[in-house]
Each structure stands twice: as C-alpha cells, then as structure tokens.
Amino acid sequence: MTAFPPITRITTGHADDGRSVLSEVGPLPTVVDVSAIPGTVFHEVWSTSGSPAAVGNGVDPTLGPLVLPPPPGGTRIRFVDIPPDTEEFLENGAQQMGDAFEQIGDKGASTVKQNSPHPLMHRTESIDYGVVIEGEMTLVLDDGEVLLKQGSVVIQRGTNHAWANRSGRMCRMLFVLVSGTYEPAIADALAGH
C-alpha cells in the first residue's frame, strides 16, 4: 500500500503586542496507527473544547491520547488514511472492532452486530463533515450506501455508518467533527433501537 505524504500543520498565534506570528510550522505531533485495523492512520490536526472557542496562544489540544468524538461543545479536525477492505477483515473484522474503537478513545461508538452491513459500523453524537481528499470510499448506512470520489463531501448527522474502502487502494479523508445533541425524537428512537 502506498502511504500518503505527511501533513504539515501551520499554527498562528499572537505576539505580546497583538501582532500575528507563526507559532508552529511542521509535522503533526499526534499521528496514530490503529493496530487493530492495519494501515489505518489518524492524523490529529486540532480541536476546540467549546463554543465560542477560546482564541489565544493556548496549549496544543492534540497532545495526549487519541479520542474519536469531538469534546462536548467542541470540534475536532483530522485526516484519516483508510486501507482497502480485505476479505479477512470483512469476515472477521467485527471481533476486532472493540479493540479498534478502544484505541481511538470511544469503545462505545461501535454498533457492529452480527447482521451489520460492515464491521466498522459506528455512531457518534456529532455532525461530521467528511471530505475525500484522495482515493475513493463507500459510505455505508443501515439502509443504503453511496460511492464517494475525490472531492465528495458527506454531512454525517449522527447516523450509524461505516467507511468501506472497496477501491483496492488507500483513501485519505479529512473530517471535521462538531459536537452535537440528538433531537428528542431521534434520541427516543435510538433509545428503543
């Protein structure tokens, strides 16, 4: 599998007199290989812990353990490199998903069951913008799926879903996650599901 180039992050800040300055130019400090899904790499870019977001020269929020969802009331931006699905993964992947979601900081996000349409089915209470940067991906839902090509944008609204890579080559996606709260009718339906 061909690896994608590393991501360069440019972070700006403020001098004591208020002038804009470069705080950092370089590689991302948090890049995590998900061992339960070989070839899957999370590239953590930034996150905010509330809205309105604190604007200043604070500490890098990406340092520390990898966490899948955004902070409550906050946002998260990351790139994810996703390898092609293999027959072995499709047949046996459901057993690995507890470990995979635990490694990415949200074991409870996995919704995979014996009859799930894909072993990576999961859900977070967030609005996620997913953009295909390079390659192809298939968005899998409980009912239906759609092929995504370079430049496709998904607005994923807290639904049960998976990312299936059926292309035979690596895919890189950019995700921006925004913390959310289910509307009461949806929360009730999910509680009874």
N, C-alpha and C. Protein backbone atom coordinates (compact mmCIF):
# COMPACT_ATOMS: atom_id res chain seq x y z
N MET A 1 0.84 -1.19 0.00
CA MET A 1 0.00 0.00 0.00
C MET A 1 0.88 1.25 0.00
N THR A 2 0.47 2.19 -0.78
CA THR A 2 1.21 3.44 -0.86
C THR A 2 0.78 4.37 0.26
N ALA A 3 1.76 4.87 0.99
CA ALA A 3 1.46 5.83 2.06
C ALA A 3 1.34 7.22 1.46
N PHE A 4 0.50 8.02 2.05
CA PHE A 4 0.36 9.40 1.63
C PHE A 4 1.45 10.24 2.28
N PRO A 5 1.74 11.41 1.71
CA PRO A 5 2.77 12.27 2.31
C PRO A 5 2.33 12.76 3.68
N PRO A 6 3.30 13.08 4.54
CA PRO A 6 2.94 13.62 5.85
C PRO A 6 2.24 14.97 5.70
N ILE A 7 1.49 15.31 6.71
CA ILE A 7 0.73 16.56 6.72
C ILE A 7 1.53 17.62 7.48
N THR A 8 1.64 18.79 6.90
CA THR A 8 2.31 19.92 7.55
C THR A 8 1.24 20.81 8.16
N ARG A 9 1.42 21.13 9.44
CA ARG A 9 0.47 22.00 10.14
C ARG A 9 1.13 23.35 10.39
N ILE A 10 0.42 24.40 10.06
CA ILE A 10 0.87 25.76 10.32
C ILE A 10 -0.09 26.34 11.37
N THR A 11 0.46 26.69 12.52
CA THR A 11 -0.35 27.25 13.61
C THR A 11 0.08 28.69 13.83
N THR A 12 -0.90 29.59 13.86
CA THR A 12 -0.60 31.00 14.10
C THR A 12 -0.86 31.35 15.56
N GLY A 13 -0.36 32.50 15.95
CA GLY A 13 -0.55 32.97 17.32
C GLY A 13 -0.43 34.48 17.37
N HIS A 14 -0.28 34.98 18.60
CA HIS A 14 -0.25 36.42 18.82
C HIS A 14 1.00 36.78 19.64
N ALA A 15 1.71 37.80 19.20
CA ALA A 15 2.80 38.35 19.99
C ALA A 15 2.20 39.16 21.15
N ASP A 16 3.03 39.50 22.12
CA ASP A 16 2.54 40.25 23.29
C ASP A 16 1.86 41.57 22.89
N ASP A 17 2.29 42.16 21.78
CA ASP A 17 1.69 43.43 21.34
C ASP A 17 0.49 43.21 20.40
N GLY A 18 0.08 41.94 20.20
CA GLY A 18 -1.09 41.64 19.38
C GLY A 18 -0.79 41.34 17.93
N ARG A 19 0.48 41.50 17.49
CA ARG A 19 0.82 41.17 16.10
C ARG A 19 0.66 39.67 15.87
N SER A 20 0.29 39.31 14.64
CA SER A 20 0.17 37.90 14.30
C SER A 20 1.55 37.31 14.04
N VAL A 21 1.76 36.08 14.52
CA VAL A 21 3.05 35.40 14.37
C VAL A 21 2.80 33.94 14.03
N LEU A 22 3.82 33.30 13.48
CA LEU A 22 3.79 31.85 13.28
C LEU A 22 4.18 31.20 14.60
N SER A 23 3.31 30.39 15.15
CA SER A 23 3.62 29.66 16.38
C SER A 23 4.33 28.35 16.07
N GLU A 24 3.94 27.74 14.95
CA GLU A 24 4.49 26.43 14.61
C GLU A 24 4.32 26.17 13.12
N VAL A 25 5.34 25.60 12.51
CA VAL A 25 5.27 25.09 11.15
C VAL A 25 6.01 23.76 11.17
N GLY A 26 5.27 22.67 10.89
CA GLY A 26 5.94 21.38 10.92
C GLY A 26 4.96 20.24 10.90
N PRO A 27 5.47 19.04 11.17
CA PRO A 27 4.61 17.85 11.13
C PRO A 27 3.63 17.83 12.30
N LEU A 28 2.58 17.08 12.15
CA LEU A 28 1.60 16.91 13.22
C LEU A 28 2.24 16.15 14.37
N PRO A 29 2.03 16.58 15.61
CA PRO A 29 2.63 15.87 16.73
C PRO A 29 1.92 14.56 17.09
N THR A 30 0.66 14.40 16.66
CA THR A 30 -0.08 13.19 17.01
C THR A 30 -0.58 12.50 15.74
N VAL A 31 0.12 11.43 15.39
CA VAL A 31 -0.24 10.57 14.26
C VAL A 31 -0.28 9.15 14.81
N VAL A 32 -1.44 8.50 14.69
CA VAL A 32 -1.64 7.21 15.35
C VAL A 32 -2.01 6.13 14.34
N ASP A 33 -1.22 5.05 14.31
CA ASP A 33 -1.55 3.86 13.53
C ASP A 33 -2.51 3.02 14.37
N VAL A 34 -3.67 2.70 13.83
CA VAL A 34 -4.65 1.88 14.56
C VAL A 34 -4.28 0.42 14.36
N SER A 35 -3.71 -0.19 15.40
CA SER A 35 -3.15 -1.53 15.27
C SER A 35 -4.20 -2.58 14.95
N ALA A 36 -5.45 -2.40 15.38
CA ALA A 36 -6.49 -3.39 15.12
C ALA A 36 -6.97 -3.36 13.66
N ILE A 37 -6.66 -2.28 12.95
CA ILE A 37 -7.01 -2.16 11.53
C ILE A 37 -5.76 -1.72 10.79
N PRO A 38 -4.84 -2.64 10.49
CA PRO A 38 -3.55 -2.27 9.89
C PRO A 38 -3.72 -1.39 8.66
N GLY A 39 -2.93 -0.32 8.61
CA GLY A 39 -2.96 0.62 7.50
C GLY A 39 -3.81 1.85 7.79
N THR A 40 -4.66 1.79 8.83
CA THR A 40 -5.49 2.94 9.19
C THR A 40 -4.66 3.88 10.07
N VAL A 41 -4.60 5.14 9.65
CA VAL A 41 -3.79 6.13 10.36
C VAL A 41 -4.63 7.37 10.62
N PHE A 42 -4.67 7.81 11.89
CA PHE A 42 -5.34 9.05 12.29
C PHE A 42 -4.29 10.14 12.42
N HIS A 43 -4.53 11.27 11.76
CA HIS A 43 -3.64 12.44 11.79
C HIS A 43 -4.41 13.56 12.50
N GLU A 44 -4.12 13.79 13.76
CA GLU A 44 -4.85 14.78 14.54
C GLU A 44 -4.33 16.18 14.24
N VAL A 45 -5.22 17.07 13.79
CA VAL A 45 -4.83 18.42 13.38
C VAL A 45 -5.08 19.43 14.50
N TRP A 46 -6.31 19.46 15.05
CA TRP A 46 -6.64 20.46 16.08
C TRP A 46 -7.99 20.10 16.69
N SER A 47 -8.31 20.69 17.81
CA SER A 47 -9.64 20.57 18.39
C SER A 47 -9.93 21.80 19.23
N THR A 48 -11.22 22.05 19.44
CA THR A 48 -11.64 23.11 20.35
C THR A 48 -12.53 22.47 21.41
N SER A 49 -12.56 23.08 22.60
CA SER A 49 -13.29 22.46 23.70
C SER A 49 -14.60 23.16 24.03
N GLY A 50 -15.00 24.13 23.23
CA GLY A 50 -16.25 24.82 23.49
C GLY A 50 -16.58 25.79 22.39
N SER A 51 -17.75 26.40 22.51
CA SER A 51 -18.17 27.40 21.54
C SER A 51 -18.85 28.54 22.30
N PRO A 52 -18.39 29.76 22.14
CA PRO A 52 -17.33 30.14 21.22
C PRO A 52 -15.98 29.59 21.68
N ALA A 53 -15.13 29.28 20.71
CA ALA A 53 -13.80 28.74 21.01
C ALA A 53 -12.91 29.82 21.60
N ALA A 54 -12.08 29.42 22.55
CA ALA A 54 -11.10 30.34 23.12
C ALA A 54 -10.06 30.65 22.04
N VAL A 55 -9.82 31.93 21.80
CA VAL A 55 -8.85 32.35 20.79
C VAL A 55 -7.66 32.94 21.51
N GLY A 56 -6.52 32.31 21.38
CA GLY A 56 -5.33 32.78 22.07
C GLY A 56 -4.13 31.93 21.74
N ASN A 57 -3.19 31.88 22.65
CA ASN A 57 -1.95 31.14 22.45
C ASN A 57 -1.91 29.90 23.33
N GLY A 58 -3.03 29.25 23.56
CA GLY A 58 -3.11 28.11 24.46
C GLY A 58 -2.31 26.91 24.02
N VAL A 59 -2.36 25.90 24.87
CA VAL A 59 -1.63 24.64 24.67
C VAL A 59 -2.21 23.89 23.48
N ASP A 60 -1.37 23.16 22.77
CA ASP A 60 -1.77 22.32 21.64
C ASP A 60 -2.79 21.28 22.12
N PRO A 61 -4.04 21.32 21.63
CA PRO A 61 -5.07 20.39 22.11
C PRO A 61 -4.95 18.98 21.55
N THR A 62 -4.01 18.74 20.63
CA THR A 62 -3.89 17.41 20.05
C THR A 62 -2.94 16.52 20.82
N LEU A 63 -2.24 17.08 21.80
CA LEU A 63 -1.31 16.27 22.59
C LEU A 63 -2.12 15.41 23.55
N GLY A 64 -1.72 14.19 23.72
CA GLY A 64 -2.47 13.28 24.59
C GLY A 64 -3.07 12.14 23.79
N PRO A 65 -3.88 11.33 24.46
CA PRO A 65 -4.44 10.16 23.80
C PRO A 65 -5.41 10.52 22.68
N LEU A 66 -5.50 9.64 21.71
CA LEU A 66 -6.44 9.80 20.59
C LEU A 66 -7.86 9.57 21.10
N VAL A 67 -8.78 10.47 20.69
CA VAL A 67 -10.18 10.37 21.06
C VAL A 67 -11.01 10.57 19.80
N LEU A 68 -11.94 9.64 19.53
CA LEU A 68 -12.74 9.70 18.31
C LEU A 68 -13.67 10.92 18.25
N PRO A 69 -14.58 11.10 19.21
CA PRO A 69 -15.53 12.20 19.06
C PRO A 69 -14.92 13.55 19.44
N PRO A 70 -15.60 14.63 19.06
CA PRO A 70 -15.13 15.94 19.50
C PRO A 70 -15.43 16.12 20.98
N PRO A 71 -14.73 17.04 21.65
CA PRO A 71 -15.06 17.34 23.04
C PRO A 71 -16.49 17.87 23.15
N PRO A 72 -17.18 17.64 24.27
CA PRO A 72 -18.53 18.19 24.43
C PRO A 72 -18.53 19.70 24.16
N GLY A 73 -19.39 20.12 23.24
CA GLY A 73 -19.48 21.53 22.88
C GLY A 73 -18.36 22.01 21.97
N GLY A 74 -17.48 21.10 21.54
CA GLY A 74 -16.31 21.50 20.76
C GLY A 74 -16.26 20.89 19.37
N THR A 75 -15.08 20.97 18.78
CA THR A 75 -14.84 20.47 17.42
C THR A 75 -13.55 19.68 17.38
N ARG A 76 -13.39 18.91 16.32
CA ARG A 76 -12.14 18.19 16.09
C ARG A 76 -11.93 18.11 14.58
N ILE A 77 -10.67 18.31 14.13
CA ILE A 77 -10.32 18.16 12.72
C ILE A 77 -9.18 17.17 12.63
N ARG A 78 -9.32 16.23 11.68
CA ARG A 78 -8.29 15.20 11.49
C ARG A 78 -8.35 14.68 10.05
N PHE A 79 -7.24 14.12 9.62
CA PHE A 79 -7.19 13.32 8.40
C PHE A 79 -7.16 11.87 8.83
N VAL A 80 -7.76 10.99 8.02
CA VAL A 80 -7.68 9.56 8.27
C VAL A 80 -7.32 8.87 6.97
N ASP A 81 -6.26 8.06 7.02
CA ASP A 81 -5.87 7.22 5.89
C ASP A 81 -6.51 5.86 6.10
N ILE A 82 -7.26 5.39 5.10
CA ILE A 82 -8.05 4.18 5.24
C ILE A 82 -7.63 3.18 4.16
N PRO A 83 -7.16 1.99 4.58
CA PRO A 83 -6.72 1.00 3.61
C PRO A 83 -7.91 0.30 2.96
N PRO A 84 -7.67 -0.41 1.86
CA PRO A 84 -8.75 -1.18 1.24
C PRO A 84 -9.23 -2.29 2.18
N ASP A 85 -10.53 -2.55 2.15
CA ASP A 85 -11.08 -3.69 2.88
C ASP A 85 -10.48 -4.97 2.32
N THR A 86 -10.23 -5.92 3.19
CA THR A 86 -9.76 -7.25 2.75
C THR A 86 -10.86 -8.26 3.06
N GLU A 87 -10.83 -9.40 2.39
CA GLU A 87 -11.81 -10.45 2.66
C GLU A 87 -11.73 -10.88 4.12
N GLU A 88 -10.50 -11.02 4.63
CA GLU A 88 -10.32 -11.43 6.03
C GLU A 88 -10.97 -10.42 6.98
N PHE A 89 -10.76 -9.14 6.72
CA PHE A 89 -11.35 -8.10 7.57
C PHE A 89 -12.87 -8.16 7.51
N LEU A 90 -13.43 -8.30 6.31
CA LEU A 90 -14.88 -8.32 6.18
C LEU A 90 -15.49 -9.54 6.88
N GLU A 91 -14.76 -10.66 6.90
CA GLU A 91 -15.25 -11.87 7.54
C GLU A 91 -15.04 -11.86 9.05
N ASN A 92 -13.91 -11.32 9.52
CA ASN A 92 -13.54 -11.42 10.93
C ASN A 92 -13.40 -10.07 11.63
N GLY A 93 -13.65 -8.99 10.93
CA GLY A 93 -13.40 -7.66 11.48
C GLY A 93 -14.24 -7.29 12.68
N ALA A 94 -15.45 -7.84 12.76
CA ALA A 94 -16.35 -7.48 13.88
C ALA A 94 -15.70 -7.79 15.22
N GLN A 95 -14.92 -8.88 15.29
CA GLN A 95 -14.26 -9.23 16.56
C GLN A 95 -13.18 -8.22 16.93
N GLN A 96 -12.58 -7.56 15.96
CA GLN A 96 -11.50 -6.60 16.21
C GLN A 96 -12.00 -5.21 16.57
N MET A 97 -13.27 -4.93 16.32
CA MET A 97 -13.75 -3.56 16.42
C MET A 97 -13.75 -3.02 17.84
N GLY A 98 -14.00 -3.86 18.83
CA GLY A 98 -13.92 -3.38 20.21
C GLY A 98 -12.54 -2.83 20.49
N ASP A 99 -11.50 -3.56 20.07
CA ASP A 99 -10.12 -3.11 20.27
C ASP A 99 -9.83 -1.84 19.48
N ALA A 100 -10.32 -1.79 18.24
CA ALA A 100 -10.05 -0.62 17.39
C ALA A 100 -10.69 0.63 17.98
N PHE A 101 -11.96 0.55 18.37
CA PHE A 101 -12.63 1.73 18.91
C PHE A 101 -12.09 2.10 20.29
N GLU A 102 -11.62 1.12 21.04
CA GLU A 102 -10.98 1.45 22.32
C GLU A 102 -9.69 2.23 22.07
N GLN A 103 -8.91 1.83 21.05
CA GLN A 103 -7.66 2.53 20.74
C GLN A 103 -7.92 3.97 20.29
N ILE A 104 -9.04 4.21 19.63
CA ILE A 104 -9.34 5.57 19.19
C ILE A 104 -10.23 6.31 20.17
N GLY A 105 -10.30 5.81 21.41
CA GLY A 105 -10.86 6.56 22.52
C GLY A 105 -12.37 6.58 22.64
N ASP A 106 -13.08 5.62 22.01
CA ASP A 106 -14.54 5.62 22.14
C ASP A 106 -15.09 4.23 21.84
N LYS A 107 -14.83 3.28 22.74
CA LYS A 107 -15.28 1.90 22.53
C LYS A 107 -16.79 1.83 22.34
N GLY A 108 -17.54 2.72 23.01
CA GLY A 108 -18.99 2.72 22.91
C GLY A 108 -19.52 3.15 21.56
N ALA A 109 -18.68 3.71 20.68
CA ALA A 109 -19.14 4.16 19.37
C ALA A 109 -19.46 3.00 18.44
N SER A 110 -18.81 1.86 18.65
CA SER A 110 -19.03 0.71 17.77
C SER A 110 -20.45 0.19 17.94
N THR A 111 -21.15 0.01 16.82
CA THR A 111 -22.51 -0.51 16.83
C THR A 111 -22.62 -1.83 16.09
N VAL A 112 -21.48 -2.41 15.75
CA VAL A 112 -21.48 -3.61 14.91
C VAL A 112 -22.20 -4.76 15.62
N LYS A 113 -23.03 -5.44 14.83
CA LYS A 113 -23.75 -6.63 15.27
C LYS A 113 -23.53 -7.71 14.22
N GLN A 114 -24.02 -8.89 14.49
CA GLN A 114 -23.80 -10.00 13.56
C GLN A 114 -24.34 -9.70 12.16
N ASN A 115 -25.46 -8.98 12.07
CA ASN A 115 -26.06 -8.70 10.76
C ASN A 115 -25.73 -7.31 10.23
N SER A 116 -24.74 -6.64 10.80
CA SER A 116 -24.37 -5.30 10.33
C SER A 116 -23.86 -5.35 8.90
N PRO A 117 -24.12 -4.30 8.13
CA PRO A 117 -23.66 -4.30 6.74
C PRO A 117 -22.15 -4.15 6.57
N HIS A 118 -21.42 -3.76 7.64
CA HIS A 118 -19.96 -3.61 7.57
C HIS A 118 -19.42 -3.69 8.98
N PRO A 119 -18.21 -4.28 9.18
CA PRO A 119 -17.67 -4.42 10.53
C PRO A 119 -17.26 -3.11 11.21
N LEU A 120 -17.21 -2.01 10.48
CA LEU A 120 -16.84 -0.72 11.09
C LEU A 120 -18.04 0.15 11.42
N MET A 121 -19.23 -0.41 11.49
CA MET A 121 -20.41 0.39 11.80
C MET A 121 -20.22 1.06 13.16
N HIS A 122 -20.53 2.36 13.20
CA HIS A 122 -20.38 3.13 14.43
C HIS A 122 -21.24 4.39 14.37
N ARG A 123 -21.36 5.04 15.54
CA ARG A 123 -22.18 6.25 15.63
C ARG A 123 -21.58 7.15 16.71
N THR A 124 -21.53 8.46 16.43
CA THR A 124 -21.17 9.45 17.44
C THR A 124 -22.23 10.55 17.41
N GLU A 125 -22.48 11.16 18.55
CA GLU A 125 -23.47 12.23 18.64
C GLU A 125 -22.81 13.53 18.21
N SER A 126 -22.65 13.63 16.88
CA SER A 126 -21.95 14.78 16.32
C SER A 126 -22.36 14.96 14.87
N ILE A 127 -22.08 16.15 14.37
CA ILE A 127 -22.18 16.43 12.93
C ILE A 127 -20.76 16.31 12.41
N ASP A 128 -20.57 15.45 11.42
CA ASP A 128 -19.23 15.21 10.87
C ASP A 128 -19.23 15.58 9.38
N TYR A 129 -18.30 16.43 9.01
CA TYR A 129 -18.08 16.75 7.60
C TYR A 129 -16.92 15.89 7.14
N GLY A 130 -17.16 15.00 6.18
CA GLY A 130 -16.11 14.12 5.66
C GLY A 130 -15.85 14.44 4.21
N VAL A 131 -14.58 14.72 3.87
CA VAL A 131 -14.20 15.10 2.52
C VAL A 131 -13.18 14.10 2.00
N VAL A 132 -13.45 13.51 0.83
CA VAL A 132 -12.48 12.61 0.22
C VAL A 132 -11.39 13.47 -0.42
N ILE A 133 -10.18 13.34 0.11
CA ILE A 133 -9.04 14.11 -0.40
C ILE A 133 -8.38 13.37 -1.56
N GLU A 134 -8.19 12.06 -1.37
CA GLU A 134 -7.57 11.24 -2.41
C GLU A 134 -8.12 9.83 -2.31
N GLY A 135 -8.43 9.23 -3.46
CA GLY A 135 -8.95 7.87 -3.49
C GLY A 135 -10.47 7.85 -3.57
N GLU A 136 -11.04 6.70 -3.22
CA GLU A 136 -12.48 6.50 -3.23
C GLU A 136 -12.90 5.80 -1.95
N MET A 137 -14.15 6.03 -1.55
CA MET A 137 -14.69 5.44 -0.33
C MET A 137 -16.17 5.21 -0.55
N THR A 138 -16.72 4.20 0.12
CA THR A 138 -18.15 3.98 0.09
C THR A 138 -18.70 4.24 1.48
N LEU A 139 -19.67 5.15 1.57
CA LEU A 139 -20.37 5.40 2.82
C LEU A 139 -21.46 4.35 2.94
N VAL A 140 -21.43 3.58 4.03
CA VAL A 140 -22.41 2.52 4.27
C VAL A 140 -23.31 2.95 5.43
N LEU A 141 -24.63 2.90 5.21
CA LEU A 141 -25.61 3.20 6.25
C LEU A 141 -26.42 1.94 6.53
N ASP A 142 -27.29 1.98 7.53
CA ASP A 142 -28.17 0.84 7.79
C ASP A 142 -28.99 0.51 6.55
N ASP A 143 -29.46 1.55 5.88
CA ASP A 143 -30.24 1.40 4.65
C ASP A 143 -29.58 2.22 3.56
N GLY A 144 -28.80 1.59 2.72
CA GLY A 144 -28.22 2.27 1.58
C GLY A 144 -26.74 2.57 1.73
N GLU A 145 -26.16 2.88 0.59
CA GLU A 145 -24.74 3.25 0.53
C GLU A 145 -24.52 4.09 -0.70
N VAL A 146 -23.38 4.82 -0.71
CA VAL A 146 -23.07 5.68 -1.85
C VAL A 146 -21.55 5.71 -2.03
N LEU A 147 -21.13 5.68 -3.29
CA LEU A 147 -19.71 5.76 -3.63
C LEU A 147 -19.28 7.22 -3.59
N LEU A 148 -18.17 7.48 -2.92
CA LEU A 148 -17.60 8.82 -2.81
C LEU A 148 -16.30 8.87 -3.59
N LYS A 149 -16.14 9.89 -4.38
CA LYS A 149 -14.89 10.08 -5.14
C LYS A 149 -14.20 11.34 -4.65
N GLN A 150 -12.98 11.56 -5.13
CA GLN A 150 -12.21 12.72 -4.71
C GLN A 150 -13.06 13.98 -4.84
N GLY A 151 -13.13 14.75 -3.75
CA GLY A 151 -13.93 15.97 -3.73
C GLY A 151 -15.34 15.78 -3.19
N SER A 152 -15.79 14.53 -3.02
CA SER A 152 -17.11 14.30 -2.42
C SER A 152 -17.10 14.75 -0.97
N VAL A 153 -18.23 15.30 -0.52
CA VAL A 153 -18.37 15.77 0.85
C VAL A 153 -19.60 15.11 1.45
N VAL A 154 -19.43 14.51 2.63
CA VAL A 154 -20.53 13.89 3.36
C VAL A 154 -20.83 14.74 4.59
N ILE A 155 -22.10 15.02 4.81
CA ILE A 155 -22.54 15.64 6.05
C ILE A 155 -23.22 14.52 6.83
N GLN A 156 -22.50 13.98 7.79
CA GLN A 156 -22.90 12.80 8.54
C GLN A 156 -23.51 13.29 9.84
N ARG A 157 -24.82 13.11 10.01
CA ARG A 157 -25.56 13.73 11.10
C ARG A 157 -25.90 12.73 12.21
N GLY A 158 -24.86 12.20 12.85
CA GLY A 158 -25.05 11.31 13.98
C GLY A 158 -25.65 9.97 13.63
N THR A 159 -25.56 9.59 12.36
CA THR A 159 -26.17 8.32 11.93
C THR A 159 -25.20 7.16 12.09
N ASN A 160 -25.77 5.96 12.16
CA ASN A 160 -24.99 4.74 12.18
C ASN A 160 -24.38 4.56 10.79
N HIS A 161 -23.07 4.39 10.72
CA HIS A 161 -22.42 4.36 9.42
C HIS A 161 -21.08 3.63 9.49
N ALA A 162 -20.52 3.36 8.32
CA ALA A 162 -19.17 2.83 8.18
C ALA A 162 -18.57 3.39 6.91
N TRP A 163 -17.23 3.36 6.88
CA TRP A 163 -16.48 3.76 5.69
C TRP A 163 -15.88 2.49 5.11
N ALA A 164 -16.36 2.07 3.93
CA ALA A 164 -15.89 0.85 3.28
C ALA A 164 -15.00 1.25 2.11
N ASN A 165 -13.77 0.77 2.13
CA ASN A 165 -12.85 1.06 1.04
C ASN A 165 -12.80 -0.16 0.12
N ARG A 166 -13.55 -0.09 -0.96
CA ARG A 166 -13.64 -1.20 -1.93
C ARG A 166 -12.83 -0.91 -3.19
N SER A 167 -11.98 0.12 -3.14
CA SER A 167 -11.28 0.59 -4.33
C SER A 167 -10.01 -0.19 -4.65
N GLY A 168 -9.48 -0.92 -3.66
CA GLY A 168 -8.21 -1.62 -3.89
C GLY A 168 -6.99 -0.75 -3.65
N ARG A 169 -7.19 0.52 -3.25
CA ARG A 169 -6.05 1.40 -2.95
C ARG A 169 -6.40 2.28 -1.75
N MET A 170 -5.40 2.90 -1.18
CA MET A 170 -5.58 3.75 0.00
C MET A 170 -6.50 4.93 -0.32
N CYS A 171 -7.18 5.41 0.71
CA CYS A 171 -8.01 6.61 0.62
C CYS A 171 -7.63 7.52 1.79
N ARG A 172 -7.52 8.80 1.52
CA ARG A 172 -7.31 9.79 2.58
C ARG A 172 -8.54 10.68 2.64
N MET A 173 -9.10 10.80 3.86
CA MET A 173 -10.25 11.67 4.07
C MET A 173 -9.93 12.71 5.13
N LEU A 174 -10.56 13.85 5.01
CA LEU A 174 -10.48 14.91 6.01
C LEU A 174 -11.82 14.94 6.72
N PHE A 175 -11.78 14.97 8.06
CA PHE A 175 -13.00 15.02 8.86
C PHE A 175 -12.97 16.21 9.78
N VAL A 176 -14.09 16.94 9.83
CA VAL A 176 -14.31 17.98 10.83
C VAL A 176 -15.52 17.53 11.62
N LEU A 177 -15.35 17.30 12.93
CA LEU A 177 -16.42 16.82 13.79
C LEU A 177 -16.87 17.94 14.71
N VAL A 178 -18.17 18.11 14.81
CA VAL A 178 -18.76 19.15 15.64
C VAL A 178 -19.67 18.47 16.66
N SER A 179 -19.41 18.71 17.93
CA SER A 179 -20.22 18.11 19.00
C SER A 179 -21.69 18.46 18.80
N GLY A 180 -22.56 17.49 19.07
CA GLY A 180 -23.98 17.73 18.87
C GLY A 180 -24.82 17.09 19.96
N THR A 181 -26.11 17.29 19.85
CA THR A 181 -27.10 16.69 20.74
C THR A 181 -28.26 16.22 19.87
N TYR A 182 -28.65 14.96 20.03
CA TYR A 182 -29.77 14.45 19.24
C TYR A 182 -31.05 15.19 19.56
N GLU A 183 -31.85 15.46 18.53
CA GLU A 183 -33.19 15.99 18.74
C GLU A 183 -33.97 14.95 19.54
N PRO A 184 -34.93 15.37 20.37
CA PRO A 184 -35.64 14.43 21.25
C PRO A 184 -36.24 13.22 20.53
N ALA A 185 -36.87 13.40 19.38
CA ALA A 185 -37.50 12.29 18.67
C ALA A 185 -36.45 11.26 18.21
N ILE A 186 -35.30 11.75 17.77
CA ILE A 186 -34.23 10.84 17.34
C ILE A 186 -33.63 10.14 18.55
N ALA A 187 -33.41 10.88 19.64
CA ALA A 187 -32.89 10.26 20.87
C ALA A 187 -33.82 9.15 21.34
N ASP A 188 -35.14 9.40 21.31
CA ASP A 188 -36.11 8.39 21.72
C ASP A 188 -36.05 7.17 20.82
N ALA A 189 -35.96 7.40 19.49
CA ALA A 189 -35.89 6.28 18.55
C ALA A 189 -34.63 5.45 18.77
N LEU A 190 -33.51 6.12 19.03
CA LEU A 190 -32.25 5.41 19.25
C LEU A 190 -32.28 4.64 20.57
N ALA A 191 -32.95 5.18 21.58
CA ALA A 191 -33.03 4.50 22.88
C ALA A 191 -33.83 3.22 22.75
N GLY A 192 -34.82 3.19 21.85
CA GLY A 192 -35.63 1.99 21.66
C GLY A 192 -35.07 1.04 20.64
N HIS A 193 -33.96 1.39 20.02
CA HIS A 193 -33.37 0.60 18.92
C HIS A 193 -32.53 -0.52 19.42
